[in-house]
Amino acid sequence: MAKYDKADLERRMKGAIDALKHDLSGLRTGRANTALLEPITVTVYGSAMPLTSVATISAPEPRMLSVQVWDKSNIGPVEKAIRSAGLGLNPINDGNTLRLPIPDLTEERRKELAKLASSYAEKARVAVRNVRRDGIEALKADEKKKEISEDDRKRGETEVQKLTDDMIKALDEEFARKEKEILGK
């Protein structure tokens, strides 16, 4: 049975685009949004967990986020994870709750957010390239098992490369749209 499955490769590459859209949706231009904190992972109980698994995130005011940590012993690691996430947020500790004032969008802050968006886009590009590599390896394995010919493998590799190029283009368009929104151009 052939290992190469174009539909699966396409699904996985679209998953990278969806993940990028999700990550970029958390980058807000000056308003509090709980999605801003979703990509953050916290090391608690000996393992890395999403912030949403150890706390409740809410936006009680337009320029303030509130993180209610369920276990008081996790307040320190949660605070540290938020500070080190590169979002430019400084938590204010109120017992079991961390208040996060959303800073005004200065030119410096906009550049920081654009840089963070760029890193999200690069992660997505790497994910798409990894899927491409998997597809090409599957084609080579199929050829080695004599399930497809060399010509079929080459056609398949061309197909995988075209799919990869299309997905990278879609990623770049998504990033460019968000960068334009962030920088206000």
N, C-alpha and C. Protein backbone atom coordinates (compact mmCIF):
# COMPACT_ATOMS: atom_id res chain seq x y z
N MET A 1 0.84 -1.19 0.00
CA MET A 1 0.00 0.00 0.00
C MET A 1 0.88 1.25 0.00
N ALA A 2 0.51 2.21 -0.78
CA ALA A 2 1.30 3.44 -0.92
C ALA A 2 1.19 4.30 0.35
N LYS A 3 2.32 4.89 0.74
CA LYS A 3 2.34 5.76 1.91
C LYS A 3 1.97 7.19 1.54
N TYR A 4 2.23 7.59 0.28
CA TYR A 4 2.00 8.96 -0.15
C TYR A 4 0.49 9.24 -0.24
N ASP A 5 0.06 10.32 0.41
CA ASP A 5 -1.35 10.70 0.40
C ASP A 5 -1.42 12.22 0.27
N LYS A 6 -1.71 12.69 -0.94
CA LYS A 6 -1.74 14.14 -1.20
C LYS A 6 -2.78 14.85 -0.34
N ALA A 7 -3.93 14.24 -0.17
CA ALA A 7 -5.00 14.87 0.62
C ALA A 7 -4.56 15.08 2.06
N ASP A 8 -3.83 14.10 2.61
CA ASP A 8 -3.34 14.22 3.99
C ASP A 8 -2.30 15.33 4.09
N LEU A 9 -1.41 15.42 3.10
CA LEU A 9 -0.40 16.48 3.11
C LEU A 9 -1.08 17.85 3.05
N GLU A 10 -2.07 17.98 2.19
CA GLU A 10 -2.79 19.24 2.05
C GLU A 10 -3.50 19.60 3.37
N ARG A 11 -4.11 18.61 3.99
CA ARG A 11 -4.80 18.84 5.28
C ARG A 11 -3.82 19.32 6.33
N ARG A 12 -2.65 18.68 6.39
CA ARG A 12 -1.64 19.07 7.38
C ARG A 12 -1.09 20.46 7.12
N MET A 13 -0.88 20.80 5.84
CA MET A 13 -0.39 22.14 5.52
C MET A 13 -1.44 23.20 5.84
N LYS A 14 -2.70 22.90 5.56
CA LYS A 14 -3.78 23.85 5.90
C LYS A 14 -3.88 23.99 7.42
N GLY A 15 -3.54 22.93 8.13
CA GLY A 15 -3.52 23.01 9.60
C GLY A 15 -2.49 24.02 10.09
N ALA A 16 -1.35 24.10 9.39
CA ALA A 16 -0.33 25.09 9.75
C ALA A 16 -0.85 26.50 9.51
N ILE A 17 -1.59 26.69 8.42
CA ILE A 17 -2.18 28.00 8.13
C ILE A 17 -3.21 28.36 9.19
N ASP A 18 -4.05 27.38 9.55
CA ASP A 18 -5.06 27.62 10.59
C ASP A 18 -4.40 27.98 11.92
N ALA A 19 -3.31 27.27 12.25
CA ALA A 19 -2.59 27.57 13.49
C ALA A 19 -2.02 28.99 13.46
N LEU A 20 -1.49 29.40 12.30
CA LEU A 20 -0.97 30.76 12.18
C LEU A 20 -2.09 31.78 12.35
N LYS A 21 -3.23 31.54 11.72
CA LYS A 21 -4.37 32.46 11.85
C LYS A 21 -4.78 32.57 13.31
N HIS A 22 -4.79 31.44 14.00
CA HIS A 22 -5.16 31.44 15.42
C HIS A 22 -4.17 32.25 16.24
N ASP A 23 -2.87 32.01 16.00
CA ASP A 23 -1.84 32.74 16.74
C ASP A 23 -1.90 34.24 16.44
N LEU A 24 -2.10 34.59 15.17
CA LEU A 24 -2.16 36.00 14.80
C LEU A 24 -3.40 36.68 15.35
N SER A 25 -4.48 35.91 15.53
CA SER A 25 -5.70 36.51 16.07
C SER A 25 -5.49 36.98 17.50
N GLY A 26 -4.52 36.41 18.17
CA GLY A 26 -4.22 36.81 19.54
C GLY A 26 -3.42 38.10 19.63
N LEU A 27 -2.85 38.53 18.52
CA LEU A 27 -2.08 39.76 18.52
C LEU A 27 -3.03 40.93 18.24
N ARG A 28 -3.40 41.60 19.29
CA ARG A 28 -4.35 42.69 19.15
C ARG A 28 -3.64 44.02 19.12
N THR A 29 -4.24 44.93 18.46
CA THR A 29 -3.63 46.24 18.32
C THR A 29 -4.23 47.21 19.33
N GLY A 30 -4.01 46.96 20.61
CA GLY A 30 -4.38 47.91 21.64
C GLY A 30 -5.58 47.55 22.49
N ARG A 31 -6.35 46.53 22.10
CA ARG A 31 -7.52 46.15 22.88
C ARG A 31 -7.26 44.81 23.57
N ALA A 32 -7.85 44.66 24.74
CA ALA A 32 -7.71 43.40 25.48
C ALA A 32 -8.49 42.30 24.77
N ASN A 33 -7.86 41.17 24.60
CA ASN A 33 -8.51 40.01 23.99
C ASN A 33 -7.89 38.77 24.63
N THR A 34 -8.73 37.86 25.10
CA THR A 34 -8.22 36.67 25.78
C THR A 34 -7.36 35.81 24.86
N ALA A 35 -7.58 35.88 23.56
CA ALA A 35 -6.78 35.10 22.61
C ALA A 35 -5.31 35.50 22.64
N LEU A 36 -5.02 36.68 23.14
CA LEU A 36 -3.65 37.16 23.25
C LEU A 36 -2.79 36.22 24.09
N LEU A 37 -3.40 35.60 25.11
CA LEU A 37 -2.64 34.75 26.04
C LEU A 37 -2.71 33.26 25.70
N GLU A 38 -3.52 32.87 24.73
CA GLU A 38 -3.69 31.45 24.42
C GLU A 38 -2.41 30.73 24.01
N PRO A 39 -1.49 31.34 23.26
CA PRO A 39 -0.28 30.60 22.88
C PRO A 39 0.70 30.34 24.03
N ILE A 40 0.48 30.97 25.17
CA ILE A 40 1.43 30.87 26.29
C ILE A 40 1.33 29.49 26.96
N THR A 41 2.50 28.89 27.20
CA THR A 41 2.55 27.64 27.97
C THR A 41 3.26 27.92 29.29
N VAL A 42 2.80 27.22 30.32
CA VAL A 42 3.32 27.40 31.67
C VAL A 42 3.88 26.07 32.14
N THR A 43 5.05 26.10 32.77
CA THR A 43 5.62 24.87 33.33
C THR A 43 5.16 24.74 34.78
N VAL A 44 4.21 23.85 34.99
CA VAL A 44 3.69 23.57 36.33
C VAL A 44 3.53 22.06 36.48
N TYR A 45 3.61 21.60 37.70
CA TYR A 45 3.47 20.17 38.01
C TYR A 45 4.43 19.32 37.18
N GLY A 46 5.58 19.88 36.84
CA GLY A 46 6.60 19.13 36.13
C GLY A 46 6.41 19.00 34.63
N SER A 47 5.42 19.69 34.06
CA SER A 47 5.24 19.62 32.62
C SER A 47 4.72 20.95 32.07
N ALA A 48 4.92 21.14 30.78
CA ALA A 48 4.45 22.37 30.14
C ALA A 48 2.98 22.21 29.79
N MET A 49 2.19 23.18 30.21
CA MET A 49 0.74 23.14 29.97
C MET A 49 0.29 24.48 29.39
N PRO A 50 -0.78 24.47 28.60
CA PRO A 50 -1.31 25.75 28.13
C PRO A 50 -1.82 26.57 29.32
N LEU A 51 -1.69 27.88 29.21
CA LEU A 51 -2.15 28.76 30.29
C LEU A 51 -3.61 28.51 30.62
N THR A 52 -4.41 28.22 29.60
CA THR A 52 -5.85 28.00 29.82
C THR A 52 -6.13 26.73 30.63
N SER A 53 -5.13 25.88 30.82
CA SER A 53 -5.31 24.67 31.62
C SER A 53 -5.07 24.90 33.11
N VAL A 54 -4.50 26.06 33.46
CA VAL A 54 -4.21 26.33 34.87
C VAL A 54 -4.88 27.60 35.37
N ALA A 55 -5.57 28.32 34.46
CA ALA A 55 -6.16 29.60 34.87
C ALA A 55 -7.33 29.95 33.96
N THR A 56 -8.15 30.86 34.46
CA THR A 56 -9.25 31.42 33.67
C THR A 56 -8.83 32.80 33.20
N ILE A 57 -8.99 33.05 31.92
CA ILE A 57 -8.60 34.34 31.35
C ILE A 57 -9.87 35.11 30.99
N SER A 58 -9.91 36.37 31.38
CA SER A 58 -11.06 37.20 31.01
C SER A 58 -10.59 38.61 30.69
N ALA A 59 -11.48 39.36 30.08
CA ALA A 59 -11.20 40.76 29.73
C ALA A 59 -12.26 41.64 30.39
N PRO A 60 -12.05 42.00 31.68
CA PRO A 60 -13.07 42.77 32.39
C PRO A 60 -13.21 44.21 31.91
N GLU A 61 -12.16 44.74 31.28
CA GLU A 61 -12.17 46.11 30.76
C GLU A 61 -11.56 46.08 29.36
N PRO A 62 -11.83 47.10 28.55
CA PRO A 62 -11.28 47.10 27.19
C PRO A 62 -9.75 47.08 27.12
N ARG A 63 -9.07 47.57 28.15
CA ARG A 63 -7.60 47.61 28.12
C ARG A 63 -6.98 46.84 29.28
N MET A 64 -7.69 45.81 29.75
CA MET A 64 -7.19 45.03 30.89
C MET A 64 -7.58 43.57 30.71
N LEU A 65 -6.62 42.67 30.94
CA LEU A 65 -6.90 41.24 30.99
C LEU A 65 -6.75 40.79 32.43
N SER A 66 -7.52 39.78 32.78
CA SER A 66 -7.46 39.22 34.12
C SER A 66 -7.20 37.72 34.00
N VAL A 67 -6.20 37.23 34.74
CA VAL A 67 -5.86 35.81 34.73
C VAL A 67 -6.07 35.29 36.15
N GLN A 68 -7.11 34.49 36.33
CA GLN A 68 -7.42 33.92 37.65
C GLN A 68 -6.80 32.52 37.71
N VAL A 69 -5.73 32.39 38.48
CA VAL A 69 -5.01 31.11 38.60
C VAL A 69 -5.74 30.25 39.61
N TRP A 70 -6.02 28.99 39.24
CA TRP A 70 -6.81 28.11 40.09
C TRP A 70 -6.06 27.65 41.32
N ASP A 71 -4.77 27.36 41.18
CA ASP A 71 -3.96 26.90 42.31
C ASP A 71 -2.96 28.00 42.65
N LYS A 72 -3.07 28.54 43.86
CA LYS A 72 -2.24 29.68 44.26
C LYS A 72 -0.74 29.39 44.11
N SER A 73 -0.34 28.14 44.24
CA SER A 73 1.09 27.81 44.11
C SER A 73 1.60 27.99 42.68
N ASN A 74 0.70 28.12 41.72
CA ASN A 74 1.10 28.29 40.32
C ASN A 74 1.20 29.76 39.88
N ILE A 75 0.91 30.67 40.79
CA ILE A 75 0.89 32.09 40.42
C ILE A 75 2.27 32.54 39.91
N GLY A 76 3.34 32.12 40.56
CA GLY A 76 4.70 32.50 40.16
C GLY A 76 5.05 32.01 38.76
N PRO A 77 4.88 30.70 38.49
CA PRO A 77 5.19 30.22 37.14
C PRO A 77 4.31 30.88 36.05
N VAL A 78 3.04 31.15 36.36
CA VAL A 78 2.16 31.79 35.39
C VAL A 78 2.65 33.21 35.10
N GLU A 79 2.98 33.94 36.16
CA GLU A 79 3.48 35.31 36.01
C GLU A 79 4.77 35.31 35.17
N LYS A 80 5.66 34.37 35.48
CA LYS A 80 6.94 34.28 34.75
C LYS A 80 6.69 33.95 33.27
N ALA A 81 5.76 33.03 32.99
CA ALA A 81 5.46 32.65 31.60
C ALA A 81 4.89 33.83 30.82
N ILE A 82 4.04 34.62 31.46
CA ILE A 82 3.45 35.78 30.78
C ILE A 82 4.54 36.82 30.48
N ARG A 83 5.40 37.07 31.46
CA ARG A 83 6.48 38.05 31.24
C ARG A 83 7.43 37.61 30.13
N SER A 84 7.73 36.31 30.07
CA SER A 84 8.73 35.83 29.11
C SER A 84 8.12 35.48 27.75
N ALA A 85 6.83 35.70 27.57
CA ALA A 85 6.17 35.34 26.31
C ALA A 85 6.48 36.31 25.18
N GLY A 86 7.09 37.43 25.49
CA GLY A 86 7.43 38.40 24.45
C GLY A 86 6.26 39.26 24.01
N LEU A 87 5.23 39.33 24.83
CA LEU A 87 4.05 40.12 24.48
C LEU A 87 4.11 41.54 25.04
N GLY A 88 5.12 41.82 25.84
CA GLY A 88 5.26 43.15 26.42
C GLY A 88 4.25 43.44 27.51
N LEU A 89 3.76 42.39 28.17
CA LEU A 89 2.78 42.55 29.25
C LEU A 89 3.45 42.37 30.59
N ASN A 90 3.10 43.23 31.57
CA ASN A 90 3.65 43.13 32.91
C ASN A 90 2.52 42.85 33.89
N PRO A 91 2.41 41.60 34.36
CA PRO A 91 1.34 41.24 35.27
C PRO A 91 1.44 41.95 36.62
N ILE A 92 0.29 42.31 37.16
CA ILE A 92 0.19 42.87 38.51
C ILE A 92 -0.49 41.80 39.35
N ASN A 93 0.21 41.36 40.40
CA ASN A 93 -0.27 40.26 41.22
C ASN A 93 -1.28 40.76 42.26
N ASP A 94 -2.49 40.19 42.26
CA ASP A 94 -3.54 40.48 43.24
C ASP A 94 -3.96 39.19 43.93
N GLY A 95 -3.07 38.51 44.60
CA GLY A 95 -3.43 37.25 45.26
C GLY A 95 -3.50 36.12 44.25
N ASN A 96 -4.72 35.61 43.98
CA ASN A 96 -4.89 34.53 43.00
C ASN A 96 -5.11 35.06 41.59
N THR A 97 -5.17 36.36 41.43
CA THR A 97 -5.47 36.95 40.13
C THR A 97 -4.30 37.81 39.66
N LEU A 98 -4.01 37.71 38.39
CA LEU A 98 -3.02 38.58 37.76
C LEU A 98 -3.77 39.54 36.86
N ARG A 99 -3.53 40.82 37.05
CA ARG A 99 -4.12 41.83 36.17
C ARG A 99 -3.07 42.22 35.15
N LEU A 100 -3.48 42.30 33.89
CA LEU A 100 -2.55 42.63 32.81
C LEU A 100 -3.05 43.85 32.06
N PRO A 101 -2.52 45.03 32.40
CA PRO A 101 -2.92 46.21 31.63
C PRO A 101 -2.32 46.13 30.22
N ILE A 102 -3.15 46.39 29.23
CA ILE A 102 -2.69 46.36 27.84
C ILE A 102 -2.07 47.73 27.54
N PRO A 103 -0.78 47.76 27.23
CA PRO A 103 -0.12 49.06 27.00
C PRO A 103 -0.61 49.72 25.72
N ASP A 104 -0.49 51.05 25.69
CA ASP A 104 -0.79 51.79 24.47
C ASP A 104 0.15 51.32 23.37
N LEU A 105 -0.32 51.40 22.16
CA LEU A 105 0.50 50.96 21.04
C LEU A 105 1.43 52.08 20.57
N THR A 106 2.60 52.08 21.15
CA THR A 106 3.63 53.00 20.69
C THR A 106 4.27 52.39 19.44
N GLU A 107 5.09 53.15 18.78
CA GLU A 107 5.77 52.64 17.59
C GLU A 107 6.65 51.44 17.97
N GLU A 108 7.29 51.52 19.14
CA GLU A 108 8.13 50.41 19.60
C GLU A 108 7.30 49.16 19.85
N ARG A 109 6.14 49.33 20.48
CA ARG A 109 5.24 48.21 20.76
C ARG A 109 4.74 47.59 19.46
N ARG A 110 4.41 48.42 18.50
CA ARG A 110 3.96 47.91 17.20
C ARG A 110 5.05 47.07 16.54
N LYS A 111 6.30 47.53 16.64
CA LYS A 111 7.41 46.77 16.06
C LYS A 111 7.60 45.44 16.78
N GLU A 112 7.44 45.44 18.11
CA GLU A 112 7.53 44.19 18.88
C GLU A 112 6.47 43.21 18.42
N LEU A 113 5.23 43.69 18.27
CA LEU A 113 4.14 42.82 17.84
C LEU A 113 4.38 42.31 16.42
N ALA A 114 4.91 43.16 15.55
CA ALA A 114 5.21 42.73 14.18
C ALA A 114 6.29 41.65 14.19
N LYS A 115 7.28 41.81 15.06
CA LYS A 115 8.36 40.82 15.17
C LYS A 115 7.79 39.48 15.69
N LEU A 116 6.87 39.56 16.66
CA LEU A 116 6.24 38.35 17.18
C LEU A 116 5.40 37.68 16.09
N ALA A 117 4.66 38.47 15.32
CA ALA A 117 3.88 37.92 14.21
C ALA A 117 4.80 37.25 13.20
N SER A 118 5.95 37.85 12.95
CA SER A 118 6.92 37.28 12.02
C SER A 118 7.42 35.92 12.52
N SER A 119 7.65 35.82 13.83
CA SER A 119 8.12 34.54 14.37
C SER A 119 7.03 33.47 14.25
N TYR A 120 5.76 33.86 14.45
CA TYR A 120 4.65 32.91 14.27
C TYR A 120 4.60 32.44 12.81
N ALA A 121 4.78 33.37 11.88
CA ALA A 121 4.74 33.02 10.45
C ALA A 121 5.89 32.08 10.10
N GLU A 122 7.06 32.33 10.65
CA GLU A 122 8.20 31.47 10.36
C GLU A 122 7.98 30.06 10.89
N LYS A 123 7.39 29.95 12.09
CA LYS A 123 7.06 28.61 12.63
C LYS A 123 6.11 27.88 11.69
N ALA A 124 5.13 28.60 11.16
CA ALA A 124 4.17 27.98 10.24
C ALA A 124 4.86 27.55 8.95
N ARG A 125 5.78 28.38 8.43
CA ARG A 125 6.52 28.01 7.22
C ARG A 125 7.33 26.73 7.45
N VAL A 126 7.97 26.65 8.61
CA VAL A 126 8.75 25.45 8.94
C VAL A 126 7.83 24.23 9.00
N ALA A 127 6.64 24.39 9.58
CA ALA A 127 5.70 23.27 9.66
C ALA A 127 5.30 22.81 8.26
N VAL A 128 5.04 23.75 7.35
CA VAL A 128 4.68 23.40 5.98
C VAL A 128 5.84 22.67 5.29
N ARG A 129 7.05 23.17 5.51
CA ARG A 129 8.23 22.52 4.89
C ARG A 129 8.43 21.11 5.45
N ASN A 130 8.13 20.93 6.73
CA ASN A 130 8.25 19.59 7.31
C ASN A 130 7.25 18.63 6.67
N VAL A 131 6.05 19.12 6.40
CA VAL A 131 5.04 18.29 5.74
C VAL A 131 5.52 17.95 4.32
N ARG A 132 6.12 18.94 3.64
CA ARG A 132 6.67 18.69 2.30
C ARG A 132 7.71 17.58 2.37
N ARG A 133 8.62 17.68 3.35
CA ARG A 133 9.66 16.66 3.51
C ARG A 133 9.03 15.28 3.72
N ASP A 134 8.00 15.21 4.56
CA ASP A 134 7.33 13.93 4.80
C ASP A 134 6.73 13.36 3.51
N GLY A 135 6.13 14.24 2.71
CA GLY A 135 5.53 13.79 1.45
C GLY A 135 6.57 13.26 0.49
N ILE A 136 7.69 13.96 0.38
CA ILE A 136 8.75 13.52 -0.53
C ILE A 136 9.37 12.21 -0.04
N GLU A 137 9.55 12.08 1.26
CA GLU A 137 10.07 10.82 1.81
C GLU A 137 9.10 9.67 1.54
N ALA A 138 7.80 9.93 1.64
CA ALA A 138 6.81 8.89 1.36
C ALA A 138 6.88 8.47 -0.10
N LEU A 139 7.05 9.45 -0.99
CA LEU A 139 7.18 9.12 -2.42
C LEU A 139 8.41 8.26 -2.68
N LYS A 140 9.52 8.63 -2.05
CA LYS A 140 10.75 7.85 -2.23
C LYS A 140 10.60 6.44 -1.68
N ALA A 141 9.91 6.33 -0.55
CA ALA A 141 9.69 5.01 0.04
C ALA A 141 8.80 4.16 -0.88
N ASP A 142 7.78 4.79 -1.46
CA ASP A 142 6.90 4.06 -2.39
C ASP A 142 7.68 3.58 -3.62
N GLU A 143 8.59 4.45 -4.11
CA GLU A 143 9.40 4.07 -5.27
C GLU A 143 10.34 2.93 -4.90
N LYS A 144 10.91 2.98 -3.72
CA LYS A 144 11.83 1.94 -3.27
C LYS A 144 11.13 0.59 -3.15
N LYS A 145 9.86 0.62 -2.74
CA LYS A 145 9.08 -0.62 -2.62
C LYS A 145 8.51 -1.06 -3.97
N LYS A 146 8.84 -0.31 -5.03
CA LYS A 146 8.38 -0.60 -6.39
C LYS A 146 6.86 -0.43 -6.53
N GLU A 147 6.27 0.41 -5.70
CA GLU A 147 4.83 0.67 -5.80
C GLU A 147 4.54 1.77 -6.81
N ILE A 148 5.54 2.64 -7.05
CA ILE A 148 5.40 3.67 -8.08
C ILE A 148 6.71 3.71 -8.88
N SER A 149 6.62 4.28 -10.08
CA SER A 149 7.83 4.39 -10.92
C SER A 149 8.58 5.67 -10.57
N GLU A 150 9.78 5.79 -11.13
CA GLU A 150 10.58 6.98 -10.91
C GLU A 150 9.86 8.21 -11.47
N ASP A 151 9.23 8.05 -12.63
CA ASP A 151 8.48 9.17 -13.22
C ASP A 151 7.33 9.60 -12.32
N ASP A 152 6.63 8.62 -11.73
CA ASP A 152 5.52 8.94 -10.81
C ASP A 152 6.05 9.68 -9.58
N ARG A 153 7.22 9.24 -9.10
CA ARG A 153 7.81 9.91 -7.94
C ARG A 153 8.14 11.36 -8.29
N LYS A 154 8.74 11.58 -9.44
CA LYS A 154 9.11 12.93 -9.85
C LYS A 154 7.87 13.80 -10.03
N ARG A 155 6.82 13.25 -10.63
CA ARG A 155 5.56 13.99 -10.78
C ARG A 155 4.99 14.32 -9.40
N GLY A 156 5.05 13.35 -8.52
CA GLY A 156 4.55 13.56 -7.15
C GLY A 156 5.34 14.63 -6.42
N GLU A 157 6.67 14.62 -6.59
CA GLU A 157 7.51 15.63 -5.94
C GLU A 157 7.17 17.03 -6.47
N THR A 158 6.93 17.13 -7.78
CA THR A 158 6.55 18.41 -8.38
C THR A 158 5.21 18.87 -7.80
N GLU A 159 4.28 17.94 -7.65
CA GLU A 159 2.96 18.22 -7.08
C GLU A 159 3.09 18.72 -5.64
N VAL A 160 3.92 18.02 -4.86
CA VAL A 160 4.14 18.40 -3.45
C VAL A 160 4.78 19.78 -3.37
N GLN A 161 5.74 20.06 -4.25
CA GLN A 161 6.40 21.37 -4.24
C GLN A 161 5.42 22.48 -4.60
N LYS A 162 4.55 22.23 -5.58
CA LYS A 162 3.56 23.24 -5.97
C LYS A 162 2.60 23.51 -4.80
N LEU A 163 2.17 22.44 -4.14
CA LEU A 163 1.28 22.58 -2.98
C LEU A 163 1.99 23.38 -1.88
N THR A 164 3.26 23.07 -1.66
CA THR A 164 4.04 23.78 -0.65
C THR A 164 4.14 25.27 -1.00
N ASP A 165 4.46 25.56 -2.26
CA ASP A 165 4.57 26.95 -2.69
C ASP A 165 3.26 27.70 -2.49
N ASP A 166 2.13 27.05 -2.82
CA ASP A 166 0.81 27.68 -2.64
C ASP A 166 0.54 27.96 -1.16
N MET A 167 0.89 27.02 -0.30
CA MET A 167 0.63 27.18 1.13
C MET A 167 1.53 28.27 1.73
N ILE A 168 2.80 28.30 1.31
CA ILE A 168 3.72 29.33 1.80
C ILE A 168 3.22 30.71 1.35
N LYS A 169 2.71 30.79 0.13
CA LYS A 169 2.17 32.06 -0.37
C LYS A 169 0.97 32.49 0.49
N ALA A 170 0.10 31.54 0.83
CA ALA A 170 -1.06 31.86 1.67
C ALA A 170 -0.60 32.31 3.07
N LEU A 171 0.43 31.66 3.60
CA LEU A 171 0.97 32.06 4.90
C LEU A 171 1.52 33.48 4.84
N ASP A 172 2.27 33.76 3.78
CA ASP A 172 2.86 35.09 3.63
C ASP A 172 1.79 36.17 3.50
N GLU A 173 0.72 35.85 2.77
CA GLU A 173 -0.38 36.81 2.63
C GLU A 173 -1.05 37.08 3.98
N GLU A 174 -1.25 36.03 4.75
CA GLU A 174 -1.87 36.17 6.07
C GLU A 174 -0.98 37.02 6.98
N PHE A 175 0.32 36.74 6.95
CA PHE A 175 1.26 37.52 7.76
C PHE A 175 1.29 38.97 7.32
N ALA A 176 1.33 39.22 6.00
CA ALA A 176 1.39 40.59 5.49
C ALA A 176 0.14 41.38 5.90
N ARG A 177 -1.01 40.72 5.86
CA ARG A 177 -2.26 41.37 6.28
C ARG A 177 -2.19 41.78 7.74
N LYS A 178 -1.71 40.87 8.59
CA LYS A 178 -1.64 41.17 10.02
C LYS A 178 -0.57 42.22 10.31
N GLU A 179 0.55 42.13 9.62
CA GLU A 179 1.62 43.11 9.82
C GLU A 179 1.13 44.51 9.47
N LYS A 180 0.38 44.60 8.38
CA LYS A 180 -0.18 45.89 7.97
C LYS A 180 -1.13 46.42 9.04
N GLU A 181 -1.95 45.52 9.59
CA GLU A 181 -2.88 45.92 10.67
C GLU A 181 -2.12 46.40 11.91
N ILE A 182 -1.07 45.68 12.28
CA ILE A 182 -0.31 46.01 13.48
C ILE A 182 0.42 47.36 13.30
N LEU A 183 1.07 47.50 12.17
CA LEU A 183 1.87 48.72 11.96
C LEU A 183 1.02 49.92 11.55
N GLY A 184 -0.26 49.67 11.27
CA GLY A 184 -1.17 50.75 10.96
C GLY A 184 -0.88 51.41 9.64
N LYS A 185 -0.41 50.65 8.68
CA LYS A 185 -0.08 51.21 7.36
C LYS A 185 -1.19 50.95 6.37
